[in-house]
Protein backbone atom coordinates (compact mmCIF):
# COMPACT_ATOMS: atom_id res chain seq x y z
CA MET A 1 -2.71 -22.53 24.53
CA ARG A 2 -5.60 -22.25 22.14
CA ASN A 3 -8.98 -23.44 23.31
CA THR A 4 -11.00 -26.06 21.44
CA SER A 5 -13.66 -23.66 20.20
CA TYR A 6 -10.99 -21.40 18.68
CA LEU A 7 -9.42 -24.34 16.82
CA LEU A 8 -12.76 -25.58 15.56
CA SER A 9 -13.64 -22.09 14.37
CA LEU A 10 -10.32 -21.77 12.58
CA LEU A 11 -10.67 -25.19 10.98
CA GLY A 12 -14.08 -24.26 9.70
CA LEU A 13 -13.23 -20.81 8.38
CA ALA A 14 -9.64 -20.77 7.21
CA LEU A 15 -8.80 -20.92 3.51
CA ILE A 16 -5.54 -21.56 1.70
CA SER A 17 -3.40 -18.49 1.11
CA PHE A 18 -0.41 -19.77 -0.84
CA GLU A 19 -0.43 -18.88 -4.51
CA SER A 20 0.62 -21.78 -6.75
CA CYS A 21 -0.27 -25.33 -5.84
CA THR A 22 0.96 -26.80 -9.12
CA GLY A 23 3.37 -24.33 -10.66
CA SER A 24 5.18 -25.40 -13.83
CA SER A 25 8.34 -26.42 -12.00
CA SER A 26 11.26 -28.48 -13.20
CA SER A 27 12.14 -29.66 -9.70
CA THR A 28 12.03 -33.33 -8.77
CA SER A 29 8.59 -34.18 -7.45
CA THR A 30 7.97 -36.07 -4.24
CA THR A 31 5.31 -38.06 -6.09
CA ASP A 32 6.58 -41.14 -7.88
CA ALA A 33 5.67 -41.40 -11.55
CA ASN A 34 3.89 -44.68 -10.86
CA THR A 35 1.51 -43.03 -8.42
CA VAL A 36 -0.95 -42.33 -11.22
CA ALA A 37 -1.37 -46.07 -11.68
CA GLU A 38 -2.55 -46.52 -8.09
CA VAL A 39 -6.13 -45.71 -8.92
CA SER A 40 -8.33 -45.61 -11.97
CA VAL A 41 -10.41 -42.46 -11.87
CA LYS A 42 -13.41 -42.63 -14.14
CA GLU A 43 -15.51 -39.86 -15.59
CA THR A 44 -18.50 -39.67 -13.29
CA ALA A 45 -21.54 -37.53 -12.68
CA LEU A 46 -21.79 -36.45 -9.06
CA THR A 47 -24.91 -36.94 -6.99
CA ASP A 48 -26.31 -33.89 -5.22
CA ALA A 49 -24.70 -35.02 -1.97
CA GLN A 50 -21.33 -35.65 -3.61
CA LEU A 51 -21.51 -32.30 -5.38
CA ALA A 52 -22.22 -30.47 -2.13
CA LYS A 53 -19.31 -32.24 -0.40
CA ALA A 54 -16.92 -31.55 -3.28
CA ARG A 55 -17.97 -27.90 -3.39
CA THR A 56 -17.33 -27.54 0.36
CA ASN A 57 -13.95 -29.27 0.14
CA TYR A 58 -12.89 -27.16 -2.82
CA ALA A 59 -13.87 -23.92 -1.08
CA SER A 60 -12.09 -24.89 2.14
CA TYR A 61 -8.91 -26.41 0.76
CA CYS A 62 -8.39 -25.46 -2.90
CA SER A 63 -9.88 -22.06 -3.69
CA GLY A 64 -7.11 -20.12 -2.01
CA CYS A 65 -4.67 -21.25 -4.70
CA HIS A 66 -6.94 -21.78 -7.66
CA GLY A 67 -9.64 -19.17 -7.14
CA GLU A 68 -13.26 -19.44 -6.07
CA GLN A 69 -14.25 -19.66 -9.74
CA MET A 70 -11.19 -21.80 -10.69
CA GLU A 71 -9.85 -18.88 -12.70
CA ALA A 72 -6.24 -19.76 -11.86
CA PHE A 73 -6.63 -22.96 -13.90
CA THR A 74 -7.35 -21.11 -17.15
CA ASP A 75 -3.72 -20.65 -18.22
CA ARG A 76 -2.29 -23.67 -16.38
CA LYS A 77 0.49 -25.42 -18.31
CA TRP A 78 -0.30 -28.73 -16.59
CA LYS A 79 3.24 -30.03 -16.27
CA HIS A 80 1.95 -33.08 -14.42
CA GLY A 81 -1.03 -33.63 -16.73
CA ASN A 82 -4.72 -32.73 -16.49
CA SER A 83 -6.39 -36.13 -16.79
CA ALA A 84 -8.54 -37.41 -13.95
CA GLU A 85 -5.72 -39.74 -12.89
CA ASN A 86 -3.19 -36.88 -12.92
CA LEU A 87 -5.42 -34.65 -10.80
CA PHE A 88 -6.15 -37.48 -8.37
CA ALA A 89 -2.42 -38.09 -7.86
CA ALA A 90 -1.69 -34.37 -7.41
CA ILE A 91 -4.42 -33.95 -4.79
CA LYS A 92 -3.60 -37.12 -2.90
CA HIS A 93 0.21 -36.96 -2.84
CA GLY A 94 1.05 -33.36 -3.72
CA TYR A 95 4.22 -31.85 -5.15
CA SER A 96 5.88 -30.37 -2.09
CA ASP A 97 8.80 -28.72 -3.88
CA GLU A 98 6.27 -26.72 -5.88
CA GLY A 99 4.11 -25.69 -2.92
CA MET A 100 1.33 -28.25 -3.47
CA PRO A 101 0.65 -30.26 -0.29
CA GLY A 102 -0.72 -33.80 -0.32
CA PHE A 103 -4.18 -34.44 1.11
CA ASP A 104 -4.04 -38.21 1.57
CA GLN A 105 -4.57 -37.72 5.31
CA THR A 106 -7.39 -35.25 4.77
CA PHE A 107 -9.66 -36.79 2.12
CA THR A 108 -10.77 -40.33 1.37
CA ASP A 109 -10.20 -41.64 -2.16
CA ASP A 110 -13.91 -41.19 -2.85
CA GLU A 111 -13.73 -37.56 -1.73
CA ILE A 112 -10.69 -36.97 -3.96
CA THR A 113 -12.53 -38.57 -6.89
CA GLY A 114 -15.44 -36.19 -6.25
CA LEU A 115 -13.07 -33.22 -6.13
CA VAL A 116 -11.50 -34.25 -9.43
CA ALA A 117 -14.90 -34.39 -11.14
CA TYR A 118 -15.94 -31.07 -9.60
CA ILE A 119 -12.72 -29.37 -10.69
CA GLN A 120 -12.84 -30.75 -14.23
CA GLU A 121 -16.42 -29.57 -14.65
CA GLY A 122 -15.66 -26.21 -13.06
CA ILE A 123 -12.70 -25.50 -15.36
CA GLN A 124 -15.06 -25.66 -18.31
CA ASN A 125 -17.24 -22.96 -16.75
CA VAL A 126 -14.71 -20.45 -15.48
CA LYS A 127 -16.31 -17.05 -15.08
CA GLN A 128 -14.72 -14.49 -17.36
CA TYR A 129 -14.80 -10.96 -16.02
CA ASP A 130 -15.30 -8.03 -18.37
CA PHE A 131 -11.96 -6.25 -18.27
CA SER A 132 -12.59 -4.11 -21.34
CA GLU A 133 -11.55 -0.49 -21.15
CA GLU A 134 -15.05 0.67 -21.99
CA SER A 135 -16.65 -1.31 -19.16
CA LYS A 136 -14.21 0.14 -16.64
CA ARG A 137 -14.60 3.69 -17.89
CA THR A 138 -18.37 3.56 -17.55
CA GLU A 139 -18.63 1.70 -14.23
CA VAL A 140 -18.65 3.81 -11.09
CA TYR A 141 -17.65 2.13 -7.83
CA THR A 142 -18.88 3.31 -4.47
CA SER A 143 -17.02 2.92 -1.19
CA GLU A 144 -18.27 4.04 2.20
CA THR A 145 -16.79 7.50 1.64
CA LEU A 146 -15.79 7.86 -2.01
CA ARG A 147 -17.05 7.25 -5.55
CA TYR A 148 -14.47 6.33 -8.18
CA ARG A 149 -13.90 4.68 -11.54
CA LEU A 150 -11.02 2.83 -13.18
CA ASP A 151 -8.92 3.93 -16.13
CA THR A 152 -7.08 1.18 -17.97
CA VAL A 153 -3.40 2.12 -18.07
CA ALA A 154 -1.73 -1.00 -19.49
CA THR A 155 -2.81 -4.35 -20.94
CA GLY A 156 -1.05 -7.31 -22.53
CA LEU A 157 0.78 -8.39 -19.38
CA GLN A 158 0.70 -11.83 -17.79
CA VAL A 159 1.51 -11.35 -14.09
CA PRO A 160 2.43 -7.71 -13.45
CA TRP A 161 4.37 -8.07 -10.20
CA GLY A 162 5.93 -4.70 -9.45
CA MET A 163 5.60 -1.05 -10.49
CA ALA A 164 7.81 2.01 -10.13
CA PHE A 165 7.43 5.56 -11.42
CA LEU A 166 10.20 7.56 -13.07
CA PRO A 167 10.64 11.31 -12.46
CA ASN A 168 9.35 12.08 -15.98
CA GLY A 169 6.09 10.21 -15.35
CA ASP A 170 7.01 7.00 -17.17
CA MET A 171 6.20 3.73 -15.41
CA LEU A 172 8.40 0.65 -14.99
CA ILE A 173 6.58 -2.69 -14.80
CA THR A 174 7.92 -6.15 -14.05
CA ASP A 175 6.16 -9.23 -15.41
CA ARG A 176 6.78 -12.47 -13.55
CA ASN A 177 7.45 -14.23 -16.86
CA GLY A 178 10.77 -12.36 -17.02
CA SER A 179 9.75 -9.36 -19.13
CA PHE A 180 10.51 -5.82 -18.01
CA TYR A 181 8.70 -2.82 -19.50
CA ARG A 182 8.70 0.92 -19.66
CA LEU A 183 5.29 2.55 -20.15
CA PRO A 184 5.81 6.14 -21.37
CA LYS A 185 3.59 8.74 -19.77
CA ASP A 186 0.18 9.23 -21.41
CA THR A 187 0.57 6.21 -23.73
CA LYS A 188 -0.49 2.57 -23.57
CA GLN A 189 2.38 1.19 -25.64
CA LEU A 190 4.61 -1.03 -23.52
CA GLN A 191 8.31 -0.81 -24.43
CA LYS A 192 10.43 -3.82 -23.54
CA ILE A 193 13.62 -3.16 -21.59
CA ALA A 194 16.67 -5.23 -22.54
CA GLY A 195 19.33 -6.64 -20.25
CA THR A 196 17.14 -8.08 -17.52
CA PRO A 197 18.49 -10.95 -15.40
CA GLU A 198 17.76 -14.53 -16.38
CA VAL A 199 15.04 -15.80 -14.07
CA LEU A 200 13.42 -19.08 -13.10
CA ALA A 201 9.83 -18.30 -14.10
CA GLN A 202 8.29 -21.33 -12.40
CA GLY A 203 5.81 -21.63 -9.55
CA GLN A 204 5.93 -18.32 -7.69
CA GLY A 205 9.31 -17.41 -9.17
CA GLY A 206 10.28 -15.07 -11.97
CA LEU A 207 11.02 -11.36 -12.33
CA LEU A 208 9.52 -9.82 -9.23
CA ASP A 209 9.88 -6.33 -7.72
CA VAL A 210 11.44 -3.10 -9.01
CA GLU A 211 12.66 -0.14 -6.94
CA LEU A 212 14.31 3.14 -7.85
CA HIS A 213 17.42 4.41 -6.12
CA PRO A 214 16.47 7.41 -3.93
CA ASP A 215 18.78 9.55 -6.11
CA PHE A 216 17.57 8.06 -9.41
CA ALA A 217 17.25 11.49 -11.04
CA LYS A 218 21.04 11.80 -10.84
CA ASN A 219 22.29 8.20 -11.17
CA ASN A 220 19.57 6.34 -13.16
CA THR A 221 19.99 3.36 -10.83
CA ILE A 222 17.29 0.76 -10.28
CA TYR A 223 16.99 -2.52 -8.38
CA LEU A 224 15.26 -5.73 -9.49
CA SER A 225 14.42 -8.73 -7.32
CA TYR A 226 13.97 -12.12 -8.97
CA SER A 227 14.33 -15.88 -8.64
CA ALA A 228 17.89 -16.70 -9.64
CA PHE A 229 18.84 -20.29 -10.42
CA LYS A 230 21.77 -22.62 -10.91
CA GLN A 231 22.45 -26.28 -11.66
CA GLU A 232 23.96 -28.43 -8.93
CA ASP A 233 24.12 -32.23 -8.74
CA ASN A 234 21.71 -32.52 -11.67
CA GLN A 235 19.15 -30.39 -9.87
CA THR A 236 17.88 -26.88 -10.50
CA LEU A 237 18.23 -24.76 -7.37
CA SER A 238 16.90 -21.24 -6.94
CA THR A 239 16.96 -18.33 -4.55
CA THR A 240 15.84 -14.73 -4.11
CA ALA A 241 18.37 -12.33 -5.63
CA VAL A 242 18.65 -8.58 -6.18
CA MET A 243 20.36 -6.91 -9.13
CA ARG A 244 21.48 -3.28 -9.24
CA ALA A 245 21.70 -1.67 -12.71
CA ARG A 246 21.61 1.63 -14.58
CA LEU A 247 18.61 2.31 -16.80
CA GLU A 248 19.86 3.82 -20.05
CA GLY A 249 16.88 4.39 -22.31
CA ASN A 250 15.34 0.92 -22.62
CA LYS A 251 18.45 -1.02 -21.69
CA LEU A 252 20.05 -2.05 -18.41
CA THR A 253 23.79 -1.46 -18.05
CA ASP A 254 26.41 -1.71 -15.29
CA LYS A 255 24.57 -4.70 -13.87
CA LYS A 256 25.65 -6.24 -10.59
CA VAL A 257 24.06 -8.86 -8.33
CA ILE A 258 24.26 -7.36 -4.85
CA PHE A 259 22.23 -9.88 -2.84
CA GLU A 260 21.56 -13.62 -2.89
CA ALA A 261 19.66 -15.41 -0.13
CA GLN A 262 21.55 -18.47 1.08
CA PRO A 263 21.03 -21.40 0.98
CA TRP A 264 19.63 -22.12 -2.48
CA ALA A 265 16.69 -24.55 -2.57
CA ARG A 266 14.79 -26.96 -4.82
CA THR A 267 11.44 -25.38 -4.00
CA ARG A 268 9.65 -22.96 -6.31
CA HIS A 269 7.64 -20.89 -3.84
CA HIS A 270 7.88 -18.37 -1.00
CA TYR A 271 10.50 -16.10 -2.57
CA GLY A 272 9.02 -13.04 -0.81
CA SER A 273 10.91 -10.41 -2.78
CA ARG A 274 9.54 -6.94 -2.08
CA LEU A 275 12.00 -4.04 -2.12
CA GLU A 276 11.80 -0.71 -0.32
CA PHE A 277 14.30 2.04 0.39
CA GLY A 278 14.02 3.41 3.91
CA ARG A 279 14.61 6.98 4.96
CA ASP A 280 17.95 5.80 6.30
CA GLY A 281 19.04 5.25 2.69
CA MET A 282 19.16 1.47 3.16
CA LEU A 283 17.49 -1.08 0.90
CA TYR A 284 15.07 -3.45 2.66
CA ILE A 285 14.47 -6.85 1.03
CA SER A 286 11.91 -9.48 1.98
CA VAL A 287 12.83 -13.14 1.53
CA GLY A 288 10.24 -15.88 2.06
CA ASP A 289 10.96 -19.09 3.94
CA ARG A 290 11.03 -21.06 0.65
CA GLY A 291 8.50 -23.49 2.08
CA GLN A 292 11.10 -24.77 4.58
CA HIS A 293 10.00 -22.87 7.65
CA HIS A 294 11.37 -25.19 10.32
CA GLU A 295 14.85 -25.03 8.79
CA ASN A 296 14.90 -21.33 7.95
CA ALA A 297 12.67 -18.81 9.66
CA GLN A 298 13.95 -18.94 13.25
CA THR A 299 17.71 -19.17 12.66
CA ILE A 300 20.03 -16.24 11.96
CA GLU A 301 22.39 -18.59 10.13
CA ARG A 302 20.09 -18.78 7.06
CA ALA A 303 18.69 -15.98 4.91
CA PRO A 304 15.14 -17.24 4.10
CA GLY A 305 12.19 -16.18 6.25
CA LYS A 306 13.57 -12.71 6.96
CA VAL A 307 13.70 -9.02 6.09
CA HIS A 308 17.22 -8.01 5.05
CA ARG A 309 18.88 -4.58 5.05
CA ILE A 310 21.80 -3.56 2.85
CA GLN A 311 23.45 -0.41 1.59
CA ASP A 312 22.66 0.79 -1.93
CA ASP A 313 25.77 -0.97 -3.29
CA GLY A 314 25.11 -4.22 -1.43
CA ALA A 315 27.46 -3.55 1.46
CA ILE A 316 26.38 -4.57 4.96
CA PRO A 317 25.42 -1.77 7.39
CA ALA A 318 27.51 -1.93 10.54
CA ASP A 319 24.43 -1.35 12.72
CA ASN A 320 22.45 -4.35 11.44
CA PRO A 321 21.23 -6.31 14.49
CA PHE A 322 23.25 -9.49 13.86
CA ALA A 323 26.18 -8.03 11.92
CA ASN A 324 28.69 -8.94 14.64
CA GLU A 325 27.31 -12.34 15.68
CA LYS A 326 29.37 -15.37 14.72
CA GLY A 327 27.71 -17.52 12.05
CA ALA A 328 24.89 -15.05 11.43
CA VAL A 329 23.80 -13.77 8.03
CA ALA A 330 24.86 -10.18 8.55
CA THR A 331 22.18 -8.67 6.26
CA ILE A 332 19.31 -9.88 8.48
CA TYR A 333 17.06 -7.15 9.91
CA THR A 334 14.06 -9.19 11.17
CA ILE A 335 13.43 -12.92 11.61
CA GLY A 336 10.44 -15.26 11.87
CA ASN A 337 8.73 -14.15 8.65
CA ARG A 338 6.87 -16.59 6.41
CA ASN A 339 6.46 -14.90 3.03
CA ILE A 340 6.34 -11.10 2.85
CA GLN A 341 4.85 -9.95 -0.47
CA GLY A 342 3.90 -6.43 0.53
CA MET A 343 6.22 -3.71 1.81
CA THR A 344 5.86 0.06 2.01
CA ILE A 345 7.10 3.03 3.98
CA HIS A 346 4.83 4.98 6.34
CA PRO A 347 4.55 8.52 4.94
CA LYS A 348 4.79 10.18 8.37
CA THR A 349 6.89 7.93 10.59
CA GLY A 350 9.18 6.46 7.92
CA ALA A 351 8.69 2.97 9.38
CA ILE A 352 8.79 -0.05 7.07
CA TRP A 353 5.41 -1.79 7.02
CA THR A 354 4.92 -5.31 5.66
CA ASN A 355 2.27 -7.89 5.00
CA GLU A 356 2.89 -11.60 4.81
CA HIS A 357 1.14 -14.80 3.92
CA GLY A 358 0.05 -17.13 6.66
CA PRO A 359 -0.87 -20.76 5.95
CA ARG A 360 -4.62 -21.45 6.22
CA GLY A 361 -5.45 -18.29 8.13
CA GLY A 362 -3.06 -15.93 9.83
CA ASP A 363 -2.03 -13.49 7.08
CA GLU A 364 -0.47 -10.52 8.86
CA VAL A 365 0.34 -6.81 8.76
CA ASN A 366 3.45 -5.84 10.73
CA ILE A 367 5.98 -3.05 11.21
CA ALA A 368 9.49 -4.36 10.48
CA GLU A 369 11.64 -3.36 13.45
CA LYS A 370 15.33 -3.98 13.97
CA GLY A 371 16.12 -7.41 15.38
CA LYS A 372 12.49 -8.32 16.10
CA ASN A 373 11.13 -11.87 15.80
CA TYR A 374 7.71 -12.19 14.13
CA GLY A 375 7.12 -15.71 15.32
CA TRP A 376 6.82 -17.95 12.27
CA PRO A 377 6.34 -20.91 12.64
CA VAL A 378 6.35 -20.95 16.46
CA ILE A 379 3.26 -18.76 16.74
CA SER A 380 0.52 -18.32 14.15
CA TYR A 381 -3.18 -17.63 13.78
CA GLY A 382 -3.26 -20.19 10.95
CA ILE A 383 -3.28 -23.96 10.63
CA ASN A 384 -1.73 -26.44 8.20
CA TYR A 385 -3.20 -26.69 4.72
CA ASN A 386 -4.55 -30.18 5.40
CA GLY A 387 -6.47 -28.93 8.44
CA THR A 388 -4.12 -30.16 11.15
CA VAL A 389 -2.80 -27.91 13.92
CA LEU A 390 0.42 -26.12 12.99
CA THR A 391 1.14 -24.76 16.46
CA GLU A 392 -0.82 -24.46 19.69
CA LEU A 393 0.55 -20.94 20.23
CA THR A 394 -0.69 -17.59 19.00
CA LYS A 395 1.49 -15.61 21.41
CA LYS A 396 4.91 -16.08 22.96
CA GLU A 397 7.24 -13.81 24.89
CA GLY A 398 9.89 -12.28 22.64
CA MET A 399 7.75 -12.64 19.52
CA GLU A 400 5.76 -9.82 17.93
CA GLN A 401 1.99 -9.75 17.57
CA PRO A 402 0.62 -8.61 14.19
CA LEU A 403 -1.09 -5.23 13.93
CA TRP A 404 -3.80 -6.98 11.91
CA TYR A 405 -4.43 -10.53 10.79
CA TRP A 406 -6.89 -12.27 8.50
CA VAL A 407 -8.83 -15.49 9.11
CA PRO A 408 -9.62 -16.75 6.53
CA SER A 409 -6.50 -15.86 4.57
CA ILE A 410 -6.79 -13.28 1.79
CA ALA A 411 -3.30 -13.96 0.35
CA PRO A 412 -2.03 -10.36 0.67
CA SER A 413 0.25 -8.80 -1.92
CA GLY A 414 1.38 -5.24 -2.69
CA MET A 415 0.58 -2.46 -0.25
CA ALA A 416 0.63 1.33 -0.08
CA PHE A 417 -0.49 4.16 2.17
CA VAL A 418 -2.90 6.68 0.64
CA THR A 419 -1.27 10.11 0.43
CA GLY A 420 -1.95 13.43 -1.29
CA ASN A 421 -5.26 15.22 -1.70
CA ARG A 422 -7.06 13.25 -4.42
CA TYR A 423 -8.63 10.80 -1.96
CA LYS A 424 -9.33 12.97 1.07
CA ALA A 425 -11.66 10.43 2.69
CA TRP A 426 -9.00 7.72 2.40
CA GLU A 427 -5.94 9.76 3.32
CA GLY A 428 -3.62 7.85 5.65
CA ASP A 429 -5.38 4.51 5.11
CA LEU A 430 -3.43 1.39 4.13
CA LEU A 431 -4.21 -0.44 0.87
CA VAL A 432 -3.45 -4.17 0.54
CA GLY A 433 -4.10 -6.31 -2.52
CA SER A 434 -5.80 -9.69 -2.13
CA LEU A 435 -4.83 -12.55 -4.42
CA ARG A 436 -7.17 -15.04 -2.79
CA PHE A 437 -10.39 -13.03 -2.77
CA GLN A 438 -9.57 -10.67 -5.66
CA PHE A 439 -10.22 -7.33 -4.02
CA LEU A 440 -8.34 -4.30 -2.72
CA SER A 441 -8.42 -4.11 1.07
CA LYS A 442 -8.57 -0.62 2.58
CA LEU A 443 -7.51 -0.68 6.21
CA LYS A 444 -8.66 2.33 8.20
CA MET A 445 -5.83 3.75 10.30
CA ASP A 446 -5.79 5.53 13.65
CA GLY A 447 -2.14 6.38 14.19
CA ASN A 448 -0.33 3.04 14.06
CA LYS A 449 -3.52 1.11 14.80
CA ILE A 450 -5.71 -0.55 12.18
CA VAL A 451 -9.30 -0.10 13.27
CA SER A 452 -11.41 -1.54 10.42
CA GLU A 453 -11.37 -2.95 6.89
CA GLU A 454 -13.34 -2.08 3.75
CA LYS A 455 -13.18 -4.28 0.66
CA LEU A 456 -12.88 -2.36 -2.62
CA LEU A 457 -12.99 -3.54 -6.25
CA LYS A 458 -14.51 -6.92 -5.45
CA ASN A 459 -13.89 -9.57 -8.13
CA ILE A 460 -11.47 -7.30 -10.01
CA GLY A 461 -8.99 -10.20 -10.32
CA ARG A 462 -5.91 -11.22 -8.34
CA VAL A 463 -4.54 -7.90 -7.09
CA ARG A 464 -0.76 -8.25 -7.26
CA ASP A 465 0.46 -4.71 -6.55
CA VAL A 466 -0.85 -1.30 -5.53
CA ARG A 467 1.16 1.94 -5.57
CA MET A 468 0.71 5.65 -4.97
CA ALA A 469 2.21 7.43 -7.99
CA PRO A 470 3.83 10.88 -8.10
CA ASP A 471 0.76 12.12 -10.00
CA GLY A 472 -1.27 11.49 -6.84
CA TYR A 473 -3.30 8.57 -8.22
CA ILE A 474 -3.55 4.99 -6.96
CA TYR A 475 -2.39 2.35 -9.46
CA VAL A 476 -3.50 -1.27 -9.18
CA ALA A 477 -1.88 -4.23 -10.96
CA VAL A 478 -4.14 -7.23 -11.55
CA GLU A 479 -3.51 -10.77 -12.82
CA ASN A 480 -5.70 -12.98 -15.01
CA PRO A 481 -5.40 -11.15 -17.32
CA GLY A 482 -2.50 -8.79 -16.60
CA ILE A 483 -3.85 -5.23 -16.47
CA ILE A 484 -2.87 -2.06 -14.65
CA TYR A 485 -5.62 0.37 -13.61
CA ARG A 486 -5.62 3.92 -12.28
CA VAL A 487 -8.22 4.71 -9.61
CA VAL A 488 -9.91 8.02 -10.46
CA PRO A 489 -12.26 9.76 -7.96
CA VAL A 490 -15.67 10.75 -9.33
CA GLU A 491 -17.47 13.88 -8.15
């Protein structure tokens, strides 16, 4: 059981970690269209006291999705409208299928009205970072043990979600909007690749990760994860899917869907969707709980809220932990995961490491081990988005403890171990991107233990992915706007 002081501390410190509160979804909202008429929200100037309260509420409950400087609002399509009345309704009642909770039990109507005014004013003053190539080439960053600068590798992207590097030095880049690119070595001219799967680019969905077959040099085979969709009973349902294809020049051929997470859902968030080939030759796939954790994460009869393991052609390995259990999804490798958006292989041990989003607090780093249960939502170091207690338990027999967890949440994304000899002082450390706080986390390693954290590239933007490339450099993909950087040590 948690003690009262722990809960109060968590309530005071934790921040939202999920990514899209109001994604441009076509799903049916839980908010009735007449809700907007419930209240008339007028343009109002806030008093100093109201401003302070609204600022505190925004930082505690809203900034995890929309950014401390409201930068995530800048390209919002505003499906549900951006008037004061629209914002009031969204905050009070939410859009649960899209990942936006309602706060009618958290805030009074006056507090919501203050938040609306604060947000509308803040959107007009969003801080714009200087992402120009010249500014990055001239700025030198200093960590505790290394000085470095950034080279701009690619621009013109929206949400660069995944990166992979071809044997000839070219880069493959997925954009969540559905575009797939090749970036030839030593150029900055993105080349669009044809034949990509049709995706549901709404909320957190779209074209997501990319992974090369271990024998790509001989078979030209790649794998793409994405949010697939279908129409059923006049509703649009979606799921996490994986396509295998051959890359022929700038076109995909011999395409085959080799994985779909069942059941399909109306929600538009928590797709998970990282891909990683293990040293056993198997493909590991993360699938989020789709925002339906009580139904999905703790049962082996449903695919969401898990890590899955398949052969390179989609076949099911005979030694998967639940392959012979009646009613089980035979691809399952681990259970009790919320939303894994970072996955990498340890360069020495070959173990599959993951990071996953908690709710308000409780983001985690774990090692994915066969048949293990990682606890969600039975145990957690986080709380519900509206401040209520999610679970009294942080530990339970038969459930794994994280190697590292964050309170408040940082909204972790891509991850990679530092290898090679370009970053001697960082060698062996684990890099994790932060969407929430817009930095690159460097976790100092001692064997399989994480001993400390250093925050790099503060305010760089929402760090979506980080990879070690064959050329020995670290590459970082950033949203808002979509740019890919190379981290270059400075003598």
